[in-house]
Amino acid sequence: MLGLSACATQEAGYAGNLQAMQEELQSLSKQINVSIGYPRCDSFTDCGVIATGYAPCGGPNNYKAYSKQLPTATNLRNLALRRVRLERDYNVAANLSGVCQIEIQPSVNCRAGVCTKVER
């Protein structure tokens, strides 16, 4: 509970400061990529896919494959959720609009020992 309220307080603290929001979005993207690293797997059940972006017209617009074997998988999910929420707030604050195209969540597979997105 405390973690979620801290995120809400931090996000509310941007108060329309688009530059600060962009910087935090970039920082979260880097943290997510570092956390995912090289997503090793033995089978497809070791793999997952997570939304890491939010489209201006609503809904996820980017997904990344990751290994569920990561000891930091919970932290990864929290980072991704923070990034999705912040990008949603950024889109509203910046009054962005875009082509309303729904991004379908890809499936994931283990190929050559690496978790990989499989576009539908």
C-alpha atoms as a PDB file:
ATOM      1  CA  MET A   1       0.000   0.000   0.000  1.00  0.00           C
ATOM      2  CA  LEU A   2       2.745   2.466   0.883  1.00  0.00           C
ATOM      3  CA  GLY A   3       4.499   1.860  -2.436  1.00  0.00           C
ATOM      4  CA  LEU A   4       1.383   2.717  -4.425  1.00  0.00           C
ATOM      5  CA  SER A   5       0.706   5.887  -2.450  1.00  0.00           C
ATOM      6  CA  ALA A   6       4.326   6.959  -2.947  1.00  0.00           C
ATOM      7  CA  CYS A   7       3.935   6.517  -6.713  1.00  0.00           C
ATOM      8  CA  ALA A   8       0.685   8.472  -6.712  1.00  0.00           C
ATOM      9  CA  THR A   9       2.321  11.280  -4.741  1.00  0.00           C
ATOM     10  CA  GLN A  10       5.315  11.365  -7.086  1.00  0.00           C
ATOM     11  CA  GLU A  11       3.120  11.396 -10.204  1.00  0.00           C
ATOM     12  CA  ALA A  12       0.870  14.121  -8.762  1.00  0.00           C
ATOM     13  CA  GLY A  13       4.029  16.134  -8.033  1.00  0.00           C
ATOM     14  CA  TYR A  14       4.667  16.608 -11.757  1.00  0.00           C
ATOM     15  CA  ALA A  15       1.691  18.995 -11.909  1.00  0.00           C
ATOM     16  CA  GLY A  16       1.897  19.320 -15.670  1.00  0.00           C
ATOM     17  CA  ASN A  17       5.701  19.604 -15.822  1.00  0.00           C
ATOM     18  CA  LEU A  18       6.022  17.795 -19.128  1.00  0.00           C
ATOM     19  CA  GLN A  19       9.825  17.877 -19.154  1.00  0.00           C
ATOM     20  CA  ALA A  20      10.025  16.162 -15.759  1.00  0.00           C
ATOM     21  CA  MET A  21       7.484  13.601 -16.906  1.00  0.00           C
ATOM     22  CA  GLN A  22       9.477  12.864 -20.072  1.00  0.00           C
ATOM     23  CA  GLU A  23      12.655  12.439 -18.062  1.00  0.00           C
ATOM     24  CA  GLU A  24      10.945  10.035 -15.661  1.00  0.00           C
ATOM     25  CA  LEU A  25       9.464   8.078 -18.600  1.00  0.00           C
ATOM     26  CA  GLN A  26      12.960   7.704 -20.069  1.00  0.00           C
ATOM     27  CA  SER A  27      14.381   6.693 -16.703  1.00  0.00           C
ATOM     28  CA  LEU A  28      11.675   4.074 -16.210  1.00  0.00           C
ATOM     29  CA  SER A  29      12.284   2.716 -19.733  1.00  0.00           C
ATOM     30  CA  LYS A  30      15.988   2.290 -18.943  1.00  0.00           C
ATOM     31  CA  GLN A  31      15.205   0.625 -15.609  1.00  0.00           C
ATOM     32  CA  ILE A  32      12.783  -1.757 -17.331  1.00  0.00           C
ATOM     33  CA  ASN A  33      15.332  -2.676 -19.999  1.00  0.00           C
ATOM     34  CA  VAL A  34      18.048  -3.256 -17.381  1.00  0.00           C
ATOM     35  CA  SER A  35      15.658  -5.340 -15.293  1.00  0.00           C
ATOM     36  CA  ILE A  36      14.696  -7.496 -18.300  1.00  0.00           C
ATOM     37  CA  GLY A  37      18.299  -7.889 -19.372  1.00  0.00           C
ATOM     38  CA  TYR A  38      18.802 -11.005 -21.472  1.00  0.00           C
ATOM     39  CA  PRO A  39      15.525 -12.890 -20.851  1.00  0.00           C
ATOM     40  CA  ARG A  40      16.735 -16.495 -20.634  1.00  0.00           C
ATOM     41  CA  CYS A  41      14.339 -19.417 -20.669  1.00  0.00           C
ATOM     42  CA  ASP A  42      14.177 -23.192 -20.834  1.00  0.00           C
ATOM     43  CA  SER A  43      10.577 -23.330 -22.097  1.00  0.00           C
ATOM     44  CA  PHE A  44       7.771 -20.929 -23.032  1.00  0.00           C
ATOM     45  CA  THR A  45       6.346 -21.226 -19.509  1.00  0.00           C
ATOM     46  CA  ASP A  46       9.415 -19.329 -18.270  1.00  0.00           C
ATOM     47  CA  CYS A  47       8.376 -16.318 -20.349  1.00  0.00           C
ATOM     48  CA  GLY A  48       5.906 -13.506 -19.910  1.00  0.00           C
ATOM     49  CA  VAL A  49       4.951 -10.316 -21.707  1.00  0.00           C
ATOM     50  CA  ILE A  50       4.335  -6.985 -20.031  1.00  0.00           C
ATOM     51  CA  ALA A  51       2.847  -3.677 -21.192  1.00  0.00           C
ATOM     52  CA  THR A  52       5.374  -0.838 -20.991  1.00  0.00           C
ATOM     53  CA  GLY A  53       3.595   2.018 -22.753  1.00  0.00           C
ATOM     54  CA  TYR A  54       0.233   3.758 -23.085  1.00  0.00           C
ATOM     55  CA  ALA A  55      -1.272   5.152 -26.294  1.00  0.00           C
ATOM     56  CA  PRO A  56      -2.777   8.664 -26.391  1.00  0.00           C
ATOM     57  CA  CYS A  57      -6.196   7.274 -27.303  1.00  0.00           C
ATOM     58  CA  GLY A  58      -6.016   4.643 -24.567  1.00  0.00           C
ATOM     59  CA  GLY A  59      -4.618   1.214 -23.935  1.00  0.00           C
ATOM     60  CA  PRO A  60      -1.164  -0.320 -24.059  1.00  0.00           C
ATOM     61  CA  ASN A  61       1.021   0.566 -27.058  1.00  0.00           C
ATOM     62  CA  ASN A  62       4.174  -1.384 -26.312  1.00  0.00           C
ATOM     63  CA  TYR A  63       4.964  -4.783 -24.865  1.00  0.00           C
ATOM     64  CA  LYS A  64       8.220  -6.439 -23.840  1.00  0.00           C
ATOM     65  CA  ALA A  65       9.035 -10.093 -23.311  1.00  0.00           C
ATOM     66  CA  TYR A  66      10.706 -11.037 -20.026  1.00  0.00           C
ATOM     67  CA  SER A  67      11.784 -14.112 -18.119  1.00  0.00           C
ATOM     68  CA  LYS A  68       9.625 -15.142 -15.184  1.00  0.00           C
ATOM     69  CA  GLN A  69      12.808 -16.695 -13.779  1.00  0.00           C
ATOM     70  CA  LEU A  70      14.027 -13.194 -12.912  1.00  0.00           C
ATOM     71  CA  PRO A  71      14.418 -12.782  -9.168  1.00  0.00           C
ATOM     72  CA  THR A  72      13.228  -9.199  -9.738  1.00  0.00           C
ATOM     73  CA  ALA A  73      10.094 -10.060 -11.778  1.00  0.00           C
ATOM     74  CA  THR A  74       7.837  -8.358  -9.215  1.00  0.00           C
ATOM     75  CA  ASN A  75       9.972  -5.207  -9.358  1.00  0.00           C
ATOM     76  CA  LEU A  76       9.796  -5.328 -13.166  1.00  0.00           C
ATOM     77  CA  ARG A  77       5.991  -5.485 -13.082  1.00  0.00           C
ATOM     78  CA  ASN A  78       5.919  -2.509 -10.682  1.00  0.00           C
ATOM     79  CA  LEU A  79       8.256  -0.469 -12.928  1.00  0.00           C
ATOM     80  CA  ALA A  80       6.138  -1.266 -15.990  1.00  0.00           C
ATOM     81  CA  LEU A  81       2.926  -0.319 -14.185  1.00  0.00           C
ATOM     82  CA  ARG A  82       4.465   2.991 -13.038  1.00  0.00           C
ATOM     83  CA  ARG A  83       5.599   3.719 -16.600  1.00  0.00           C
ATOM     84  CA  VAL A  84       2.187   2.928 -18.120  1.00  0.00           C
ATOM     85  CA  ARG A  85       0.404   5.148 -15.580  1.00  0.00           C
ATOM     86  CA  LEU A  86       2.880   8.000 -16.028  1.00  0.00           C
ATOM     87  CA  GLU A  87       2.647   7.837 -19.825  1.00  0.00           C
ATOM     88  CA  ARG A  88      -1.149   7.905 -19.552  1.00  0.00           C
ATOM     89  CA  ASP A  89      -0.904  11.011 -17.353  1.00  0.00           C
ATOM     90  CA  TYR A  90       1.668  12.559 -19.702  1.00  0.00           C
ATOM     91  CA  ASN A  91      -0.615  12.028 -22.709  1.00  0.00           C
ATOM     92  CA  VAL A  92      -3.431  13.837 -20.910  1.00  0.00           C
ATOM     93  CA  ALA A  93      -1.201  16.669 -19.639  1.00  0.00           C
ATOM     94  CA  ALA A  94       0.323  17.187 -23.101  1.00  0.00           C
ATOM     95  CA  ASN A  95      -3.119  16.957 -24.729  1.00  0.00           C
ATOM     96  CA  LEU A  96      -1.813  14.293 -27.116  1.00  0.00           C
ATOM     97  CA  SER A  97      -3.968  12.483 -29.597  1.00  0.00           C
ATOM     98  CA  GLY A  98      -3.117   9.802 -32.052  1.00  0.00           C
ATOM     99  CA  VAL A  99      -4.380   7.150 -34.354  1.00  0.00           C
ATOM    100  CA  CYS A 100      -6.643   4.919 -32.317  1.00  0.00           C
ATOM    101  CA  GLN A 101      -5.198   1.560 -33.131  1.00  0.00           C
ATOM    102  CA  ILE A 102      -5.468  -1.165 -30.535  1.00  0.00           C
ATOM    103  CA  GLU A 103      -2.203  -2.930 -29.813  1.00  0.00           C
ATOM    104  CA  ILE A 104      -2.982  -6.592 -29.316  1.00  0.00           C
ATOM    105  CA  GLN A 105      -1.002  -8.197 -26.537  1.00  0.00           C
ATOM    106  CA  PRO A 106       1.508 -10.497 -28.201  1.00  0.00           C
ATOM    107  CA  SER A 107       2.111 -14.017 -27.065  1.00  0.00           C
ATOM    108  CA  VAL A 108       5.575 -15.082 -26.017  1.00  0.00           C
ATOM    109  CA  ASN A 109       7.793 -18.016 -26.830  1.00  0.00           C
ATOM    110  CA  CYS A 110      11.169 -19.410 -25.826  1.00  0.00           C
ATOM    111  CA  ARG A 111      13.411 -19.420 -28.890  1.00  0.00           C
ATOM    112  CA  ALA A 112      17.025 -20.525 -28.627  1.00  0.00           C
ATOM    113  CA  GLY A 113      16.874 -19.985 -24.877  1.00  0.00           C
ATOM    114  CA  VAL A 114      15.538 -16.419 -25.076  1.00  0.00           C
ATOM    115  CA  CYS A 115      12.016 -15.135 -24.338  1.00  0.00           C
ATOM    116  CA  THR A 116      10.695 -13.541 -27.533  1.00  0.00           C
ATOM    117  CA  LYS A 117       7.448 -11.738 -28.416  1.00  0.00           C
ATOM    118  CA  VAL A 118       5.327 -13.446 -31.044  1.00  0.00           C
ATOM    119  CA  GLU A 119       3.188 -10.903 -32.860  1.00  0.00           C
ATOM    120  CA  ARG A 120      -0.271 -12.070 -33.797  1.00  0.00           C
END
